[in-house]
Amino acid sequence: MTDNPFHVVDVFARERYAGNQLAVVHDAASLTDEEMLDITRETNFSEATFIDSPETRDGGYDVRIFDPAEEIPFAGHPTLGTAFVIREFVRDDRPDELTLNLGVDQIPVHVERDEDGTESFWMHQIPPTFERTFDHALAARVLSLDEEDVDTEFPVQLVSTGLPTLVVPLRSLDAVRRAETNHEPYYEDLIEPHGNMNVVLFAPETEADNDLHARVFADCAGVPEDPATGSSNGCLAAYLVEHGYFDSDDIDVRVEQGYEMGRPSLLHLRASRTDENIDVRVGGRVIPVAEGTLL
């Protein structure tokens, strides 16, 4: 294995050692697929990313994303974290806009600053697809909950902005806290017949001054719980507009995640209905943590 620099960043974090961890490996064209998967598993993070080259192709940077099980075409916090690393450690000019070439398509990322100059990174996700709906009772069984914990005013639906996610509305923060994967119905009734998917569960009660509290389970990908999930929250953003959860076709909401794991995270979701579809953007902060070289 050749020497490759890498950086570790916390994404959707407001301080170091919160949010979702990500390892970003540079000059990865020299690595095999098996080495990339081994490196991802070695980090014990939800995902790792691999930048092929410091040069662009068709205006974007070729980036590959792996979770502990396989290569995946898209994921949210790896997109933002990798964009941060490219801007801070690959480019000399620190541009406020850049593009990643991912498995789903080219994904643009831009930087916004608040009044005190704090920077947040935002990605524009591909248009959502709204797929089949599932019984509320099945969702309850999969999440080890009572059927009364699931909000039957809204559907349990599979949504994708590049990575399929089952969106499950719950009635209370208590229900979100009590949820855990019930492996028999999870695999036999959900994953085996319908394919791998994340599961995002959410409620309108929160720990802090935010709009929604969420958790994401992805046992099928080797990630029992994820502390901050940009792809699934993009699906959630589209779902909120599609089903009028906030009685609006234009939302700008704050979602907290990761509290149950001791890694509090904050994701900003913007979505608006257009003539063609729903425009989805997800943003948050990225905090650098460590750097080094693969041996």
Protein backbone atom coordinates (compact mmCIF):
# COMPACT_ATOMS: atom_id res chain seq x y z
CA MET A 1 0.00 0.00 0.00
CA THR A 2 1.39 3.39 -0.95
CA ASP A 3 1.47 6.36 1.41
CA ASN A 4 -1.72 8.39 1.33
CA PRO A 5 -2.51 11.46 3.44
CA PHE A 6 -5.87 11.45 5.21
CA HIS A 7 -8.00 13.78 7.32
CA VAL A 8 -10.64 13.05 9.95
CA VAL A 9 -13.50 15.54 10.28
CA ASP A 10 -16.73 15.74 12.30
CA VAL A 11 -19.70 16.62 10.10
CA PHE A 12 -22.95 18.25 11.23
CA ALA A 13 -21.09 19.10 14.45
CA ARG A 14 -21.07 22.34 16.40
CA GLU A 15 -17.91 21.35 18.24
CA ARG A 16 -15.15 18.76 18.00
CA TYR A 17 -16.02 15.15 18.90
CA ALA A 18 -19.70 15.54 18.01
CA GLY A 19 -21.58 15.03 14.76
CA ASN A 20 -20.63 12.21 12.40
CA GLN A 21 -17.02 11.15 11.97
CA LEU A 22 -15.51 10.84 8.51
CA ALA A 23 -12.10 9.76 7.23
CA VAL A 24 -11.09 11.32 3.90
CA VAL A 25 -8.18 9.69 2.05
CA HIS A 26 -6.23 11.59 -0.62
CA ASP A 27 -4.69 10.33 -3.90
CA ALA A 28 -6.81 7.19 -3.74
CA ALA A 29 -6.49 6.14 -7.39
CA SER A 30 -3.53 4.04 -6.23
CA LEU A 31 -5.75 1.98 -3.89
CA THR A 32 -7.74 -1.12 -4.82
CA ASP A 33 -11.42 -1.53 -4.02
CA GLU A 34 -10.51 -4.10 -1.37
CA GLU A 35 -8.04 -1.71 0.27
CA MET A 36 -10.64 1.05 0.37
CA LEU A 37 -13.14 -1.27 2.05
CA ASP A 38 -10.50 -2.47 4.53
CA ILE A 39 -9.57 1.12 5.39
CA THR A 40 -13.23 2.00 5.93
CA ARG A 41 -13.68 -0.92 8.30
CA GLU A 42 -10.47 -0.01 10.11
CA THR A 43 -11.77 3.48 10.90
CA ASN A 44 -14.94 2.05 12.49
CA PHE A 45 -16.82 5.08 11.14
CA SER A 46 -20.12 5.00 9.24
CA GLU A 47 -18.28 5.86 6.01
CA ALA A 48 -14.92 6.83 4.58
CA THR A 49 -14.28 8.66 1.31
CA PHE A 50 -11.48 8.46 -1.22
CA ILE A 51 -10.45 11.37 -3.45
CA ASP A 52 -8.99 9.91 -6.65
CA SER A 53 -6.88 12.91 -7.60
CA PRO A 54 -6.30 16.59 -6.74
CA GLU A 55 -7.25 17.36 -10.34
CA THR A 56 -10.83 17.87 -11.51
CA ARG A 57 -12.69 15.97 -14.21
CA ASP A 58 -15.62 17.68 -15.96
CA GLY A 59 -15.41 20.41 -13.33
CA GLY A 60 -15.69 18.05 -10.34
CA TYR A 61 -13.58 15.88 -8.07
CA ASP A 62 -13.87 12.12 -8.45
CA VAL A 63 -14.79 10.75 -5.02
CA ARG A 64 -15.75 7.24 -3.92
CA ILE A 65 -17.73 6.49 -0.75
CA PHE A 66 -17.58 3.25 1.24
CA ASP A 67 -19.52 2.09 4.26
CA PRO A 68 -18.39 -0.99 6.24
CA ALA A 69 -20.31 -3.29 3.89
CA GLU A 70 -19.71 -1.93 0.39
CA GLU A 71 -19.20 1.03 -1.92
CA ILE A 72 -22.27 3.26 -2.06
CA PRO A 73 -23.25 5.86 -4.70
CA PHE A 74 -24.12 8.70 -2.33
CA ALA A 75 -24.10 9.69 1.33
CA GLY A 76 -24.65 13.06 2.92
CA HIS A 77 -22.05 13.66 5.61
CA PRO A 78 -19.29 12.16 3.39
CA THR A 79 -20.22 14.64 0.67
CA LEU A 80 -19.96 17.68 2.93
CA GLY A 81 -16.91 16.42 4.82
CA THR A 82 -15.02 15.64 1.63
CA ALA A 83 -15.90 19.03 0.16
CA PHE A 84 -14.49 20.64 3.31
CA VAL A 85 -11.24 18.68 3.02
CA ILE A 86 -10.83 19.55 -0.67
CA ARG A 87 -11.45 23.23 0.04
CA GLU A 88 -9.14 23.42 3.04
CA PHE A 89 -6.35 20.99 2.13
CA VAL A 90 -6.39 20.39 -1.64
CA ARG A 91 -7.26 23.77 -3.11
CA ASP A 92 -5.14 26.87 -2.51
CA ASP A 93 -7.94 29.35 -3.25
CA ARG A 94 -10.62 28.05 -0.79
CA PRO A 95 -13.55 28.43 -3.20
CA ASP A 96 -17.08 28.81 -1.87
CA GLU A 97 -18.44 26.45 -4.53
CA LEU A 98 -17.16 23.10 -5.75
CA THR A 99 -18.53 19.87 -7.20
CA LEU A 100 -18.04 16.20 -6.34
CA ASN A 101 -18.40 13.47 -8.95
CA LEU A 102 -20.22 10.72 -7.05
CA GLY A 103 -21.90 7.50 -8.06
CA VAL A 104 -25.32 9.16 -8.36
CA ASP A 105 -24.20 12.22 -10.34
CA GLN A 106 -22.32 15.47 -9.89
CA ILE A 107 -23.27 16.96 -6.50
CA PRO A 108 -22.64 20.69 -6.01
CA VAL A 109 -21.59 22.00 -2.60
CA HIS A 110 -21.46 25.62 -1.50
CA VAL A 111 -20.41 27.51 1.63
CA GLU A 112 -22.63 29.91 3.58
CA ARG A 113 -21.59 32.20 6.44
CA ASP A 114 -23.74 33.41 9.30
CA GLU A 115 -23.52 36.81 10.95
CA ASP A 116 -20.48 35.91 13.05
CA GLY A 117 -18.65 34.37 10.08
CA THR A 118 -19.26 30.73 10.99
CA GLU A 119 -19.22 28.63 7.83
CA SER A 120 -21.69 25.90 6.91
CA PHE A 121 -21.45 23.56 3.94
CA TRP A 122 -24.56 22.88 1.85
CA MET A 123 -25.21 20.20 -0.76
CA HIS A 124 -27.87 20.17 -3.45
CA GLN A 125 -29.20 16.62 -3.60
CA ILE A 126 -30.63 14.97 -6.71
CA PRO A 127 -34.44 15.11 -7.15
CA PRO A 128 -36.23 12.76 -4.75
CA THR A 129 -38.22 9.71 -5.78
CA PHE A 130 -41.19 8.62 -3.69
CA GLU A 131 -41.55 4.87 -3.70
CA ARG A 132 -43.80 2.37 -1.97
CA THR A 133 -45.50 2.88 1.38
CA PHE A 134 -45.51 0.37 4.24
CA ASP A 135 -47.94 -0.54 6.99
CA HIS A 136 -47.59 1.46 10.17
CA ALA A 137 -47.80 -1.83 12.07
CA LEU A 138 -44.75 -3.17 10.22
CA ALA A 139 -42.79 -0.02 11.04
CA ALA A 140 -43.69 -0.45 14.71
CA ARG A 141 -42.51 -4.08 14.69
CA VAL A 142 -39.26 -3.20 12.92
CA LEU A 143 -38.55 -0.49 15.50
CA SER A 144 -39.62 -2.54 18.58
CA LEU A 145 -42.43 -0.05 19.27
CA ASP A 146 -46.18 -0.15 19.84
CA GLU A 147 -48.31 0.65 16.83
CA GLU A 148 -49.69 3.66 18.75
CA ASP A 149 -46.18 5.18 18.73
CA VAL A 150 -46.32 5.63 14.94
CA ASP A 151 -48.08 8.78 13.66
CA THR A 152 -50.80 7.39 11.39
CA GLU A 153 -51.63 10.86 10.06
CA PHE A 154 -48.62 10.51 7.76
CA PRO A 155 -47.39 7.55 5.68
CA VAL A 156 -44.42 5.29 6.27
CA GLN A 157 -42.70 5.67 2.92
CA LEU A 158 -39.52 4.75 1.08
CA VAL A 159 -37.88 7.87 -0.36
CA SER A 160 -34.57 8.29 -2.18
CA THR A 161 -32.30 11.19 -3.10
CA GLY A 162 -29.59 8.75 -4.09
CA LEU A 163 -29.68 6.37 -1.12
CA PRO A 164 -33.07 4.76 -0.24
CA THR A 165 -34.47 5.65 3.17
CA LEU A 166 -37.64 4.50 4.89
CA VAL A 167 -39.21 7.54 6.58
CA VAL A 168 -41.15 6.72 9.76
CA PRO A 169 -43.10 9.47 11.58
CA LEU A 170 -43.44 8.95 15.33
CA ARG A 171 -45.66 10.77 17.78
CA SER A 172 -43.21 11.61 20.56
CA LEU A 173 -39.62 12.08 21.61
CA ASP A 174 -40.12 9.22 24.06
CA ALA A 175 -40.99 6.86 21.19
CA VAL A 176 -37.87 7.92 19.27
CA ARG A 177 -35.73 7.26 22.33
CA ARG A 178 -37.25 3.81 22.91
CA ALA A 179 -36.83 2.65 19.33
CA GLU A 180 -34.35 -0.09 18.44
CA THR A 181 -34.03 -2.45 15.51
CA ASN A 182 -36.02 -5.66 15.92
CA HIS A 183 -33.82 -7.85 13.76
CA GLU A 184 -36.26 -10.58 12.75
CA PRO A 185 -38.91 -8.34 11.13
CA TYR A 186 -36.20 -5.88 10.03
CA TYR A 187 -34.44 -8.46 7.87
CA GLU A 188 -37.28 -10.87 7.04
CA ASP A 189 -40.07 -8.36 6.33
CA LEU A 190 -38.18 -5.26 5.24
CA ILE A 191 -34.63 -5.78 3.97
CA GLU A 192 -34.81 -9.23 2.34
CA PRO A 193 -37.95 -8.54 0.24
CA HIS A 194 -37.27 -4.85 -0.50
CA GLY A 195 -33.48 -4.37 -0.51
CA ASN A 196 -31.07 -2.42 1.66
CA MET A 197 -32.32 0.90 3.00
CA ASN A 198 -31.74 3.31 5.85
CA VAL A 199 -34.54 3.88 8.34
CA VAL A 200 -35.08 7.43 9.61
CA LEU A 201 -37.55 7.90 12.46
CA PHE A 202 -38.49 11.36 13.68
CA ALA A 203 -40.81 13.29 15.98
CA PRO A 204 -41.72 16.96 16.48
CA GLU A 205 -40.57 16.97 20.13
CA THR A 206 -36.90 17.84 20.62
CA GLU A 207 -34.05 17.89 23.14
CA ALA A 208 -32.92 21.39 22.20
CA ASP A 209 -34.36 24.41 20.37
CA ASN A 210 -34.86 22.61 17.05
CA ASP A 211 -37.78 21.52 14.87
CA LEU A 212 -37.42 17.72 14.75
CA HIS A 213 -35.59 14.96 16.61
CA ALA A 214 -34.40 12.07 14.44
CA ARG A 215 -32.50 8.80 14.55
CA VAL A 216 -31.20 6.69 11.65
CA PHE A 217 -30.67 2.91 11.67
CA ALA A 218 -28.70 1.14 8.92
CA ASP A 219 -27.94 -2.33 10.27
CA CYS A 220 -27.91 -3.74 6.73
CA ALA A 221 -24.90 -1.53 5.95
CA GLY A 222 -23.02 -2.48 9.11
CA VAL A 223 -24.11 0.73 10.89
CA PRO A 224 -26.61 -0.08 13.67
CA GLU A 225 -27.12 3.64 14.31
CA ASP A 226 -25.73 6.71 12.58
CA PRO A 227 -25.19 9.98 14.50
CA ALA A 228 -25.88 12.37 11.57
CA THR A 229 -27.16 11.31 8.17
CA GLY A 230 -27.33 13.86 5.36
CA SER A 231 -28.74 11.49 2.76
CA SER A 232 -31.60 10.27 4.96
CA ASN A 233 -32.33 13.79 6.13
CA GLY A 234 -32.54 14.86 2.49
CA CYS A 235 -35.17 12.16 2.03
CA LEU A 236 -36.89 13.44 5.17
CA ALA A 237 -36.86 17.01 3.82
CA ALA A 238 -38.54 15.88 0.61
CA TYR A 239 -41.07 13.83 2.60
CA LEU A 240 -41.96 16.80 4.82
CA VAL A 241 -42.85 18.87 1.75
CA GLU A 242 -44.55 16.06 -0.18
CA HIS A 243 -46.90 15.28 2.71
CA GLY A 244 -47.37 18.79 4.08
CA TYR A 245 -45.96 17.96 7.51
CA PHE A 246 -45.44 21.68 8.25
CA ASP A 247 -48.37 22.77 6.02
CA SER A 248 -45.93 24.34 3.59
CA ASP A 249 -44.35 23.70 0.19
CA ASP A 250 -41.21 25.52 1.35
CA ILE A 251 -39.39 24.44 4.52
CA ASP A 252 -36.27 25.54 6.37
CA VAL A 253 -35.94 23.38 9.49
CA ARG A 254 -33.37 22.24 12.03
CA VAL A 255 -33.07 18.53 12.80
CA GLU A 256 -31.18 17.17 15.80
CA GLN A 257 -29.72 13.67 15.65
CA GLY A 258 -27.13 11.59 17.48
CA TYR A 259 -28.19 12.46 21.03
CA GLU A 260 -28.82 8.81 21.93
CA MET A 261 -25.24 8.02 20.86
CA GLY A 262 -23.58 10.84 22.79
CA ARG A 263 -22.70 12.64 19.54
CA PRO A 264 -25.21 15.50 19.25
CA SER A 265 -25.59 16.69 15.68
CA LEU A 266 -27.44 19.49 13.93
CA LEU A 267 -28.63 19.30 10.32
CA HIS A 268 -30.28 22.14 8.42
CA LEU A 269 -32.88 21.10 5.84
CA ARG A 270 -34.29 23.25 3.06
CA ALA A 271 -36.78 21.96 0.55
CA SER A 272 -39.27 23.59 -1.80
CA ARG A 273 -41.75 22.32 -4.34
CA THR A 274 -41.02 23.27 -7.95
CA ASP A 275 -42.94 22.67 -11.17
CA GLU A 276 -40.91 19.52 -11.81
CA ASN A 277 -40.21 18.04 -8.36
CA ILE A 278 -38.95 19.01 -4.90
CA ASP A 279 -35.65 20.86 -4.55
CA VAL A 280 -33.66 19.48 -1.59
CA ARG A 281 -30.66 20.99 0.17
CA VAL A 282 -28.97 19.83 3.37
CA GLY A 283 -26.34 21.77 5.30
CA GLY A 284 -24.24 21.83 8.42
CA ARG A 285 -20.85 22.60 9.91
CA VAL A 286 -17.67 20.57 9.46
CA ILE A 287 -14.99 20.49 12.18
CA PRO A 288 -11.45 19.18 11.49
CA VAL A 289 -10.18 16.68 14.06
CA ALA A 290 -7.03 14.86 12.88
CA GLU A 291 -4.69 14.27 9.98
CA GLY A 292 -2.10 11.67 9.12
CA THR A 293 -0.72 9.26 6.52
CA LEU A 294 -1.65 5.68 5.72
CA LEU A 295 1.33 3.36 6.09
